[in-house]
Each structure stands twice: as structure tokens, then as C-alpha cells.
Amino acid sequence: MTRNKGEKAQGLAAEVRRQFGAEAVTRFMRTLPAFRTEADIPDRFRELLDRLDGAEDGDVGRRRH
């Protein structure tokens, strides 16, 4: 990969991350069945999801709502 292609790929990756992190996209994704969590998931999985959310936000103790 040439330098120019590498820079374009990095720029594209950054833009995709930025857009997926936008609040509007997050709200939309939560309305889709594939991205919704079930209310009755086992506690072990809920704890793992909470840890994942916290790791993404830089706050490991955050609770999922």
C-alpha cells in the first residue's frame, strides 16, 4: 500500500468511527432489533456488556440502561 492509499484508508477509518459514534446513529441503531439487547438476558452476559460499554467509554463501572 502506498503512503497516499494508507493515508486515505486511515482517514476513512477515522470517519467511519466518528460517524458510528455520533448520537443520531447510536439512537437509530438502538431501534434496530439486531442491536437491541433483550431485557431477560442472564446476569453474566449483562455484566459483560456493562464492562464492554465501560471500556468503550473509558469508565469500566458504568451500568447499561
C-alpha atoms as a PDB file:
ATOM      1  CA  MET A   1       0.000   0.000   0.000  1.00  0.00           C
ATOM      2  CA  THR A   2       1.432   3.348  -0.946  1.00  0.00           C
ATOM      3  CA  ARG A   3       1.600   6.190   1.510  1.00  0.00           C
ATOM      4  CA  ASN A   4      -1.279   8.026  -0.168  1.00  0.00           C
ATOM      5  CA  LYS A   5      -3.513   4.931  -0.064  1.00  0.00           C
ATOM      6  CA  GLY A   6      -2.552   4.321   3.546  1.00  0.00           C
ATOM      7  CA  GLU A   7      -3.459   7.877   4.496  1.00  0.00           C
ATOM      8  CA  LYS A   8      -6.792   7.580   2.686  1.00  0.00           C
ATOM      9  CA  ALA A   9      -7.544   4.297   4.450  1.00  0.00           C
ATOM     10  CA  GLN A  10      -6.722   5.808   7.836  1.00  0.00           C
ATOM     11  CA  GLY A  11      -8.846   8.854   7.068  1.00  0.00           C
ATOM     12  CA  LEU A  12     -11.757   6.672   6.010  1.00  0.00           C
ATOM     13  CA  ALA A  13     -11.457   4.522   9.117  1.00  0.00           C
ATOM     14  CA  ALA A  14     -11.454   7.626  11.313  1.00  0.00           C
ATOM     15  CA  GLU A  15     -14.529   8.995   9.538  1.00  0.00           C
ATOM     16  CA  VAL A  16     -16.434   5.719   9.931  1.00  0.00           C
ATOM     17  CA  ARG A  17     -15.564   5.615  13.655  1.00  0.00           C
ATOM     18  CA  ARG A  18     -16.670   9.236  14.026  1.00  0.00           C
ATOM     19  CA  GLN A  19     -19.998   8.616  12.326  1.00  0.00           C
ATOM     20  CA  PHE A  20     -20.727   5.411  14.256  1.00  0.00           C
ATOM     21  CA  GLY A  21     -20.011   7.296  17.467  1.00  0.00           C
ATOM     22  CA  ALA A  22     -22.492  10.066  16.632  1.00  0.00           C
ATOM     23  CA  GLU A  23     -25.536  10.237  18.904  1.00  0.00           C
ATOM     24  CA  ALA A  24     -28.001  10.175  15.991  1.00  0.00           C
ATOM     25  CA  VAL A  25     -26.516   6.936  14.638  1.00  0.00           C
ATOM     26  CA  THR A  26     -26.452   5.427  18.129  1.00  0.00           C
ATOM     27  CA  ARG A  27     -30.151   6.240  18.637  1.00  0.00           C
ATOM     28  CA  PHE A  28     -31.013   4.789  15.230  1.00  0.00           C
ATOM     29  CA  MET A  29     -29.040   1.593  15.860  1.00  0.00           C
ATOM     30  CA  ARG A  30     -30.865   1.050  19.164  1.00  0.00           C
ATOM     31  CA  THR A  31     -34.160   0.921  17.258  1.00  0.00           C
ATOM     32  CA  LEU A  32     -32.950  -1.982  15.113  1.00  0.00           C
ATOM     33  CA  PRO A  33     -33.712  -5.458  16.504  1.00  0.00           C
ATOM     34  CA  ALA A  34     -30.222  -6.765  15.777  1.00  0.00           C
ATOM     35  CA  PHE A  35     -28.643  -4.096  18.006  1.00  0.00           C
ATOM     36  CA  ARG A  36     -31.125  -4.242  20.877  1.00  0.00           C
ATOM     37  CA  THR A  37     -30.416  -6.298  23.970  1.00  0.00           C
ATOM     38  CA  GLU A  38     -33.101  -8.478  25.436  1.00  0.00           C
ATOM     39  CA  ALA A  39     -34.408  -7.455  28.855  1.00  0.00           C
ATOM     40  CA  ASP A  40     -34.139 -11.002  30.204  1.00  0.00           C
ATOM     41  CA  ILE A  41     -30.527 -11.835  29.369  1.00  0.00           C
ATOM     42  CA  PRO A  42     -28.567 -13.735  32.024  1.00  0.00           C
ATOM     43  CA  ASP A  43     -26.781 -11.599  34.616  1.00  0.00           C
ATOM     44  CA  ARG A  44     -23.369 -12.866  33.472  1.00  0.00           C
ATOM     45  CA  PHE A  45     -23.948 -11.533  29.949  1.00  0.00           C
ATOM     46  CA  ARG A  46     -25.352  -8.237  31.270  1.00  0.00           C
ATOM     47  CA  GLU A  47     -22.189  -7.796  33.361  1.00  0.00           C
ATOM     48  CA  LEU A  48     -20.002  -8.467  30.324  1.00  0.00           C
ATOM     49  CA  LEU A  49     -21.984  -5.943  28.259  1.00  0.00           C
ATOM     50  CA  ASP A  50     -21.596  -3.392  31.060  1.00  0.00           C
ATOM     51  CA  ARG A  51     -17.843  -3.964  31.093  1.00  0.00           C
ATOM     52  CA  LEU A  52     -17.709  -3.559  27.309  1.00  0.00           C
ATOM     53  CA  ASP A  53     -19.687  -0.300  27.485  1.00  0.00           C
ATOM     54  CA  GLY A  54     -17.389   0.955  30.218  1.00  0.00           C
ATOM     55  CA  ALA A  55     -14.273   0.041  28.265  1.00  0.00           C
ATOM     56  CA  GLU A  56     -15.596   1.896  25.218  1.00  0.00           C
ATOM     57  CA  ASP A  57     -16.355   4.972  27.324  1.00  0.00           C
ATOM     58  CA  GLY A  58     -13.224   4.711  29.447  1.00  0.00           C
ATOM     59  CA  ASP A  59     -15.337   4.082  32.574  1.00  0.00           C
ATOM     60  CA  VAL A  60     -15.422   0.389  33.454  1.00  0.00           C
ATOM     61  CA  GLY A  61     -18.081   0.813  36.180  1.00  0.00           C
ATOM     62  CA  ARG A  62     -20.898   2.207  34.003  1.00  0.00           C
ATOM     63  CA  ARG A  63     -24.279   0.427  34.037  1.00  0.00           C
ATOM     64  CA  ARG A  64     -26.385  -0.404  30.959  1.00  0.00           C
ATOM     65  CA  HIS A  65     -29.918   1.020  30.873  1.00  0.00           C
END
